[in-house]
C-alpha atoms as a PDB file:
ATOM      1  CA  UNK A   1      34.162 -23.709  -2.326  1.00  0.00           C
ATOM      2  CA  UNK A   2      32.014 -20.794  -1.531  1.00  0.00           C
ATOM      3  CA  UNK A   3      31.216 -18.906  -4.257  1.00  0.00           C
ATOM      4  CA  UNK A   4      30.075 -15.613  -1.823  1.00  0.00           C
ATOM      5  CA  UNK A   5      26.769 -15.063  -0.811  1.00  0.00           C
ATOM      6  CA  UNK A   6      23.366 -16.287  -1.989  1.00  0.00           C
ATOM      7  CA  UNK A   7      20.395 -13.944  -3.063  1.00  0.00           C
ATOM      8  CA  UNK A   8      17.467 -14.314  -0.819  1.00  0.00           C
ATOM      9  CA  UNK A   9      14.557 -15.836  -2.471  1.00  0.00           C
ATOM     10  CA  UNK A  10      11.711 -13.069  -3.410  1.00  0.00           C
ATOM     11  CA  UNK A  11       8.915 -13.063  -0.720  1.00  0.00           C
ATOM     12  CA  UNK A  12       5.656 -14.388  -1.584  1.00  0.00           C
ATOM     13  CA  UNK A  13       4.083 -10.926  -1.970  1.00  0.00           C
ATOM     14  CA  UNK A  14       6.909  -9.802  -4.295  1.00  0.00           C
ATOM     15  CA  UNK A  15       6.741 -12.965  -6.452  1.00  0.00           C
ATOM     16  CA  UNK A  16       2.870 -11.903  -6.544  1.00  0.00           C
ATOM     17  CA  UNK A  17       3.586  -8.378  -7.838  1.00  0.00           C
ATOM     18  CA  UNK A  18       6.413  -9.439 -10.227  1.00  0.00           C
ATOM     19  CA  UNK A  19       3.636 -11.909 -11.641  1.00  0.00           C
ATOM     20  CA  UNK A  20       1.379  -8.998 -12.052  1.00  0.00           C
ATOM     21  CA  UNK A  21       4.275  -6.709 -13.614  1.00  0.00           C
ATOM     22  CA  UNK A  22       5.037  -9.450 -16.089  1.00  0.00           C
ATOM     23  CA  UNK A  23       1.093  -9.379 -17.257  1.00  0.00           C
ATOM     24  CA  UNK A  24       1.145  -5.624 -17.576  1.00  0.00           C
ATOM     25  CA  UNK A  25       4.331  -5.057 -19.575  1.00  0.00           C
ATOM     26  CA  UNK A  26       3.359  -7.828 -22.103  1.00  0.00           C
ATOM     27  CA  UNK A  27      -0.201  -5.880 -22.181  1.00  0.00           C
ATOM     28  CA  UNK A  28       1.568  -2.747 -22.893  1.00  0.00           C
ATOM     29  CA  UNK A  29       3.913  -4.129 -25.344  1.00  0.00           C
ATOM     30  CA  UNK A  30       1.199  -5.869 -27.575  1.00  0.00           C
ATOM     31  CA  UNK A  31      -1.041  -3.021 -27.631  1.00  0.00           C
ATOM     32  CA  UNK A  32       1.959  -0.812 -28.264  1.00  0.00           C
ATOM     33  CA  UNK A  33       2.543  -2.871 -31.468  1.00  0.00           C
ATOM     34  CA  UNK A  34      -0.930  -3.049 -32.407  1.00  0.00           C
ATOM     35  CA  UNK A  35      -0.712   0.851 -32.556  1.00  0.00           C
ATOM     36  CA  UNK A  36       2.351   0.982 -34.213  1.00  0.00           C
ATOM     37  CA  UNK A  37       1.780  -1.429 -37.029  1.00  0.00           C
ATOM     38  CA  UNK A  38      -1.804   0.323 -37.656  1.00  0.00           C
ATOM     39  CA  UNK A  39      -0.121   3.817 -37.899  1.00  0.00           C
ATOM     40  CA  UNK A  40       1.040   2.259 -41.020  1.00  0.00           C
ATOM     41  CA  UNK A  41      -0.905   0.844 -44.367  1.00  0.00           C
ATOM     42  CA  UNK A  42      -1.043  -3.343 -43.539  1.00  0.00           C
ATOM     43  CA  UNK A  43      -0.848  -5.134 -46.812  1.00  0.00           C
ATOM     44  CA  UNK A  44      -3.879  -7.117 -47.769  1.00  0.00           C
ATOM     45  CA  UNK A  45      -1.863 -10.623 -47.534  1.00  0.00           C
ATOM     46  CA  UNK A  46      -1.066  -9.677 -43.596  1.00  0.00           C
ATOM     47  CA  UNK A  47      -4.852  -8.866 -42.849  1.00  0.00           C
ATOM     48  CA  UNK A  48      -5.637 -12.091 -41.386  1.00  0.00           C
ATOM     49  CA  UNK A  49      -2.545 -12.293 -39.291  1.00  0.00           C
ATOM     50  CA  UNK A  50      -2.920  -9.540 -37.748  1.00  0.00           C
ATOM     51  CA  UNK A  51      -6.450  -9.833 -37.048  1.00  0.00           C
ATOM     52  CA  UNK A  52      -5.238 -12.435 -35.428  1.00  0.00           C
ATOM     53  CA  UNK A  53      -2.683 -11.038 -33.036  1.00  0.00           C
ATOM     54  CA  UNK A  54      -5.449  -8.334 -32.255  1.00  0.00           C
ATOM     55  CA  UNK A  55      -7.926 -10.525 -31.192  1.00  0.00           C
ATOM     56  CA  UNK A  56      -5.536 -12.713 -29.153  1.00  0.00           C
ATOM     57  CA  UNK A  57      -4.634  -9.226 -27.463  1.00  0.00           C
ATOM     58  CA  UNK A  58      -8.322  -8.660 -26.608  1.00  0.00           C
ATOM     59  CA  UNK A  59      -8.653 -12.094 -25.546  1.00  0.00           C
ATOM     60  CA  UNK A  60      -5.578 -11.529 -23.263  1.00  0.00           C
ATOM     61  CA  UNK A  61      -6.854  -8.704 -21.764  1.00  0.00           C
ATOM     62  CA  UNK A  62     -10.528  -9.979 -20.869  1.00  0.00           C
ATOM     63  CA  UNK A  63      -8.732 -12.801 -19.240  1.00  0.00           C
ATOM     64  CA  UNK A  64      -6.486 -10.943 -17.298  1.00  0.00           C
ATOM     65  CA  UNK A  65      -9.608  -8.500 -15.899  1.00  0.00           C
ATOM     66  CA  UNK A  66     -11.939 -11.481 -15.308  1.00  0.00           C
ATOM     67  CA  UNK A  67      -9.014 -12.793 -13.142  1.00  0.00           C
ATOM     68  CA  UNK A  68      -8.759  -9.611 -11.265  1.00  0.00           C
ATOM     69  CA  UNK A  69     -12.657  -9.210 -10.720  1.00  0.00           C
ATOM     70  CA  UNK A  70     -13.098 -13.139  -9.826  1.00  0.00           C
ATOM     71  CA  UNK A  71      -9.871 -13.599  -8.214  1.00  0.00           C
ATOM     72  CA  UNK A  72      -7.885 -10.294  -6.984  1.00  0.00           C
ATOM     73  CA  UNK A  73     -10.260  -7.859  -6.421  1.00  0.00           C
ATOM     74  CA  UNK A  74     -12.260  -9.747  -4.056  1.00  0.00           C
ATOM     75  CA  UNK A  75      -9.152 -10.733  -1.989  1.00  0.00           C
ATOM     76  CA  UNK A  76      -8.145  -7.166  -1.704  1.00  0.00           C
ATOM     77  CA  UNK A  77     -11.121  -5.845  -0.585  1.00  0.00           C
ATOM     78  CA  UNK A  78     -11.765  -8.538   2.026  1.00  0.00           C
ATOM     79  CA  UNK A  79      -8.268  -8.084   3.327  1.00  0.00           C
ATOM     80  CA  UNK A  80      -8.572  -4.154   3.299  1.00  0.00           C
ATOM     81  CA  UNK A  81     -11.938  -4.369   5.041  1.00  0.00           C
ATOM     82  CA  UNK A  82     -10.480  -6.645   7.865  1.00  0.00           C
ATOM     83  CA  UNK A  83      -7.642  -4.121   8.525  1.00  0.00           C
ATOM     84  CA  UNK A  84      -9.588  -1.252   7.611  1.00  0.00           C
ATOM     85  CA  UNK A  85      -7.368   0.292   4.723  1.00  0.00           C
ATOM     86  CA  UNK A  86      -9.723   2.647   3.177  1.00  0.00           C
ATOM     87  CA  UNK A  87      -7.203   4.158   0.554  1.00  0.00           C
ATOM     88  CA  UNK A  88      -7.366   0.725  -0.986  1.00  0.00           C
ATOM     89  CA  UNK A  89     -10.828  -0.031  -0.987  1.00  0.00           C
ATOM     90  CA  UNK A  90     -11.359   3.319  -2.595  1.00  0.00           C
ATOM     91  CA  UNK A  91      -8.803   2.399  -5.553  1.00  0.00           C
ATOM     92  CA  UNK A  92     -10.349  -1.342  -5.807  1.00  0.00           C
ATOM     93  CA  UNK A  93     -13.379   0.781  -6.809  1.00  0.00           C
ATOM     94  CA  UNK A  94     -11.874   3.200  -9.045  1.00  0.00           C
ATOM     95  CA  UNK A  95     -10.028  -0.104 -10.947  1.00  0.00           C
ATOM     96  CA  UNK A  96     -13.569  -1.937 -11.390  1.00  0.00           C
ATOM     97  CA  UNK A  97     -14.847   1.464 -12.721  1.00  0.00           C
ATOM     98  CA  UNK A  98     -11.807   1.562 -15.520  1.00  0.00           C
ATOM     99  CA  UNK A  99     -12.563  -2.014 -16.226  1.00  0.00           C
ATOM    100  CA  UNK A 100     -16.312  -0.948 -16.873  1.00  0.00           C
ATOM    101  CA  UNK A 101     -15.169   1.975 -19.489  1.00  0.00           C
ATOM    102  CA  UNK A 102     -12.419  -0.512 -20.917  1.00  0.00           C
ATOM    103  CA  UNK A 103     -15.261  -3.778 -21.699  1.00  0.00           C
ATOM    104  CA  UNK A 104     -16.927  -0.554 -24.117  1.00  0.00           C
ATOM    105  CA  UNK A 105     -13.702   0.319 -25.139  1.00  0.00           C
ATOM    106  CA  UNK A 106     -12.834  -3.335 -25.823  1.00  0.00           C
ATOM    107  CA  UNK A 107     -15.981  -4.048 -27.399  1.00  0.00           C
ATOM    108  CA  UNK A 108     -15.423  -1.135 -30.099  1.00  0.00           C
ATOM    109  CA  UNK A 109     -11.614  -2.671 -30.848  1.00  0.00           C
ATOM    110  CA  UNK A 110     -13.228  -6.269 -31.502  1.00  0.00           C
ATOM    111  CA  UNK A 111     -15.667  -4.445 -33.699  1.00  0.00           C
ATOM    112  CA  UNK A 112     -12.924  -2.475 -35.723  1.00  0.00           C
ATOM    113  CA  UNK A 113     -11.306  -5.795 -35.788  1.00  0.00           C
ATOM    114  CA  UNK A 114     -13.885  -8.047 -37.270  1.00  0.00           C
ATOM    115  CA  UNK A 115     -14.379  -5.141 -39.909  1.00  0.00           C
ATOM    116  CA  UNK A 116     -10.809  -4.697 -40.526  1.00  0.00           C
ATOM    117  CA  UNK A 117     -10.634  -8.740 -41.185  1.00  0.00           C
ATOM    118  CA  UNK A 118     -13.489  -8.354 -43.670  1.00  0.00           C
ATOM    119  CA  UNK A 119     -11.359  -5.349 -45.795  1.00  0.00           C
ATOM    120  CA  UNK A 120     -13.081  -2.793 -43.460  1.00  0.00           C
ATOM    121  CA  UNK A 121     -10.940   0.673 -43.144  1.00  0.00           C
ATOM    122  CA  UNK A 122      -7.915   0.218 -41.089  1.00  0.00           C
ATOM    123  CA  UNK A 123      -8.642   4.033 -39.326  1.00  0.00           C
ATOM    124  CA  UNK A 124     -11.325   2.827 -37.234  1.00  0.00           C
ATOM    125  CA  UNK A 125      -8.903   0.114 -35.730  1.00  0.00           C
ATOM    126  CA  UNK A 126      -6.184   2.569 -35.066  1.00  0.00           C
ATOM    127  CA  UNK A 127      -8.711   4.871 -33.448  1.00  0.00           C
ATOM    128  CA  UNK A 128     -10.074   1.937 -31.152  1.00  0.00           C
ATOM    129  CA  UNK A 129      -6.588   0.691 -30.239  1.00  0.00           C
ATOM    130  CA  UNK A 130      -5.497   4.269 -29.378  1.00  0.00           C
ATOM    131  CA  UNK A 131      -9.006   4.380 -27.150  1.00  0.00           C
ATOM    132  CA  UNK A 132      -8.169   1.206 -25.417  1.00  0.00           C
ATOM    133  CA  UNK A 133      -4.550   2.273 -24.632  1.00  0.00           C
ATOM    134  CA  UNK A 134      -6.029   5.773 -23.203  1.00  0.00           C
ATOM    135  CA  UNK A 135      -7.919   4.065 -20.699  1.00  0.00           C
ATOM    136  CA  UNK A 136      -5.643   0.630 -20.047  1.00  0.00           C
ATOM    137  CA  UNK A 137      -1.960   2.443 -19.602  1.00  0.00           C
ATOM    138  CA  UNK A 138      -3.224   4.817 -16.555  1.00  0.00           C
ATOM    139  CA  UNK A 139      -5.050   2.189 -15.001  1.00  0.00           C
ATOM    140  CA  UNK A 140      -2.243  -0.295 -14.987  1.00  0.00           C
ATOM    141  CA  UNK A 141       0.019   2.462 -13.644  1.00  0.00           C
ATOM    142  CA  UNK A 142      -2.574   3.238 -11.080  1.00  0.00           C
ATOM    143  CA  UNK A 143      -2.792  -0.354  -9.783  1.00  0.00           C
ATOM    144  CA  UNK A 144       1.093  -0.539  -9.558  1.00  0.00           C
ATOM    145  CA  UNK A 145       1.613   2.623  -7.737  1.00  0.00           C
ATOM    146  CA  UNK A 146      -1.017   1.405  -4.712  1.00  0.00           C
ATOM    147  CA  UNK A 147       0.105  -1.947  -4.829  1.00  0.00           C
ATOM    148  CA  UNK A 148       3.575  -2.598  -3.044  1.00  0.00           C
ATOM    149  CA  UNK A 149       5.171  -4.989  -1.001  1.00  0.00           C
ATOM    150  CA  UNK A 150       4.803  -3.314   2.071  1.00  0.00           C
ATOM    151  CA  UNK A 151       1.146  -3.053   1.150  1.00  0.00           C
ATOM    152  CA  UNK A 152       0.670  -6.735   0.715  1.00  0.00           C
ATOM    153  CA  UNK A 153       2.257  -7.401   4.036  1.00  0.00           C
ATOM    154  CA  UNK A 154      -0.342  -5.356   5.949  1.00  0.00           C
ATOM    155  CA  UNK A 155      -2.821  -7.339   3.904  1.00  0.00           C
ATOM    156  CA  UNK A 156      -2.037 -10.880   3.759  1.00  0.00           C
ATOM    157  CA  UNK A 157       0.185 -13.510   5.211  1.00  0.00           C
ATOM    158  CA  UNK A 158       3.101 -15.461   2.953  1.00  0.00           C
ATOM    159  CA  UNK A 159       0.914 -18.266   2.639  1.00  0.00           C
ATOM    160  CA  UNK A 160      -2.125 -16.503   1.528  1.00  0.00           C
ATOM    161  CA  UNK A 161      -0.185 -14.440  -1.223  1.00  0.00           C
ATOM    162  CA  UNK A 162       1.269 -17.472  -2.630  1.00  0.00           C
ATOM    163  CA  UNK A 163      -2.850 -19.022  -2.453  1.00  0.00           C
ATOM    164  CA  UNK A 164      -3.763 -15.811  -4.523  1.00  0.00           C
ATOM    165  CA  UNK A 165      -1.031 -16.114  -6.887  1.00  0.00           C
ATOM    166  CA  UNK A 166      -1.885 -19.783  -7.598  1.00  0.00           C
ATOM    167  CA  UNK A 167      -5.606 -18.929  -8.057  1.00  0.00           C
ATOM    168  CA  UNK A 168      -5.148 -16.192 -10.390  1.00  0.00           C
ATOM    169  CA  UNK A 169      -2.864 -18.236 -12.471  1.00  0.00           C
ATOM    170  CA  UNK A 170      -5.368 -21.365 -12.377  1.00  0.00           C
ATOM    171  CA  UNK A 171      -7.734 -19.186 -13.376  1.00  0.00           C
ATOM    172  CA  UNK A 172      -5.636 -17.584 -16.359  1.00  0.00           C
ATOM    173  CA  UNK A 173      -5.064 -21.374 -17.350  1.00  0.00           C
ATOM    174  CA  UNK A 174      -8.540 -22.007 -17.192  1.00  0.00           C
ATOM    175  CA  UNK A 175     -10.110 -19.185 -19.197  1.00  0.00           C
ATOM    176  CA  UNK A 176      -7.094 -17.904 -21.510  1.00  0.00           C
ATOM    177  CA  UNK A 177      -5.665 -21.334 -22.497  1.00  0.00           C
ATOM    178  CA  UNK A 178      -2.914 -21.665 -24.625  1.00  0.00           C
ATOM    179  CA  UNK A 179      -3.984 -18.905 -26.948  1.00  0.00           C
ATOM    180  CA  UNK A 180      -3.343 -16.393 -24.371  1.00  0.00           C
ATOM    181  CA  UNK A 181      -0.591 -17.959 -22.948  1.00  0.00           C
ATOM    182  CA  UNK A 182       1.654 -17.547 -26.382  1.00  0.00           C
ATOM    183  CA  UNK A 183       0.237 -14.120 -26.073  1.00  0.00           C
ATOM    184  CA  UNK A 184       1.949 -13.779 -22.978  1.00  0.00           C
ATOM    185  CA  UNK A 185       4.486 -15.238 -23.605  1.00  0.00           C
ATOM    186  CA  UNK A 186       5.428 -13.316 -26.881  1.00  0.00           C
ATOM    187  CA  UNK A 187       5.243 -10.619 -24.937  1.00  0.00           C
ATOM    188  CA  UNK A 188       8.189 -10.996 -22.699  1.00  0.00           C
ATOM    189  CA  UNK A 189      11.569 -10.907 -23.036  1.00  0.00           C
ATOM    190  CA  UNK A 190      13.875 -13.918 -22.667  1.00  0.00           C
ATOM    191  CA  UNK A 191      15.032 -13.073 -19.255  1.00  0.00           C
ATOM    192  CA  UNK A 192      11.269 -12.383 -17.945  1.00  0.00           C
ATOM    193  CA  UNK A 193      10.557 -15.586 -19.850  1.00  0.00           C
ATOM    194  CA  UNK A 194      11.983 -17.778 -17.380  1.00  0.00           C
ATOM    195  CA  UNK A 195       8.920 -16.799 -14.805  1.00  0.00           C
ATOM    196  CA  UNK A 196       7.789 -20.012 -17.084  1.00  0.00           C
ATOM    197  CA  UNK A 197      10.875 -22.219 -16.217  1.00  0.00           C
ATOM    198  CA  UNK A 198       8.858 -24.070 -13.395  1.00  0.00           C
ATOM    199  CA  UNK A 199       6.478 -25.168 -15.804  1.00  0.00           C
ATOM    200  CA  UNK A 200       6.886 -29.315 -16.840  1.00  0.00           C
ATOM    201  CA  UNK A 201       9.145 -29.878 -19.590  1.00  0.00           C
ATOM    202  CA  UNK A 202       6.629 -31.524 -21.721  1.00  0.00           C
ATOM    203  CA  UNK A 203       4.576 -27.857 -21.722  1.00  0.00           C
ATOM    204  CA  UNK A 204       7.909 -25.689 -22.358  1.00  0.00           C
ATOM    205  CA  UNK A 205       9.437 -28.066 -24.664  1.00  0.00           C
ATOM    206  CA  UNK A 206       6.826 -29.444 -26.859  1.00  0.00           C
ATOM    207  CA  UNK A 207       3.437 -27.979 -26.334  1.00  0.00           C
ATOM    208  CA  UNK A 208       4.877 -24.093 -26.625  1.00  0.00           C
ATOM    209  CA  UNK A 209       7.223 -24.504 -29.078  1.00  0.00           C
ATOM    210  CA  UNK A 210       6.313 -27.323 -31.230  1.00  0.00           C
ATOM    211  CA  UNK A 211       2.071 -27.409 -30.710  1.00  0.00           C
ATOM    212  CA  UNK A 212       0.881 -24.116 -29.687  1.00  0.00           C
ATOM    213  CA  UNK A 213       3.273 -22.235 -31.525  1.00  0.00           C
ATOM    214  CA  UNK A 214       1.905 -23.502 -34.890  1.00  0.00           C
ATOM    215  CA  UNK A 215      -1.185 -21.487 -33.999  1.00  0.00           C
ATOM    216  CA  UNK A 216       0.900 -18.163 -33.377  1.00  0.00           C
ATOM    217  CA  UNK A 217       3.162 -18.270 -36.546  1.00  0.00           C
ATOM    218  CA  UNK A 218       1.410 -15.646 -38.145  1.00  0.00           C
ATOM    219  CA  UNK A 219       1.598 -13.368 -35.451  1.00  0.00           C
ATOM    220  CA  UNK A 220       5.420 -13.936 -34.628  1.00  0.00           C
ATOM    221  CA  UNK A 221       5.962 -10.617 -36.996  1.00  0.00           C
ATOM    222  CA  UNK A 222       3.966  -8.417 -33.990  1.00  0.00           C
ATOM    223  CA  UNK A 223       5.032  -9.949 -31.127  1.00  0.00           C
ATOM    224  CA  UNK A 224       7.341  -8.237 -28.616  1.00  0.00           C
ATOM    225  CA  UNK A 225       9.520 -11.063 -28.648  1.00  0.00           C
ATOM    226  CA  UNK A 226       9.563 -13.936 -31.632  1.00  0.00           C
ATOM    227  CA  UNK A 227      11.323 -16.536 -29.613  1.00  0.00           C
ATOM    228  CA  UNK A 228      10.816 -18.919 -26.901  1.00  0.00           C
ATOM    229  CA  UNK A 229      13.446 -18.991 -24.062  1.00  0.00           C
ATOM    230  CA  UNK A 230      12.337 -21.524 -21.932  1.00  0.00           C
END
């Protein structure tokens, strides 16, 4: 029976941008949670769990930015040079400069987190988290504003976009591992988590929900979404 027009599959370029957008959303939500929790006194019994959540966030952000530096940016730069897209070359240079600033801010957040875990003051944690946000959020906004499907269509073929997406995903798996994957997953809504629905059944139903979930148990109360819907 005819059930109406079928929704066309998103292009490979659109899928690449969607993957990037999901990572950015999870990063923003996780950092906002860190700041919001830090604005109120954290009970002594929760110091360890909150420090774990922050450490997962910093590893998530490091993994994402390493992937951009080693996989995404080189591909964008080479493609932009090939088609003489000077504006994008300038954007990539500015994004790399922002990464340098972020590395310094992340180091400060890591230090503040270690001190907090050892019963250090909470004010330094809040200050460092806000300083990361002041650099990170405009940086993510700038990437999203400059990269559109129309721009990617000028830069690469569908096959190249798919290969770039796969390379970025592989880098994340190798360098982030389950610790980052669970942080990413819990930074998404149930609907957004369908992005992971193509993973093998064993990964989704056994590793994510039974094995890796054990390590994330203390962090759930700080996560954007405590459930796993895939």
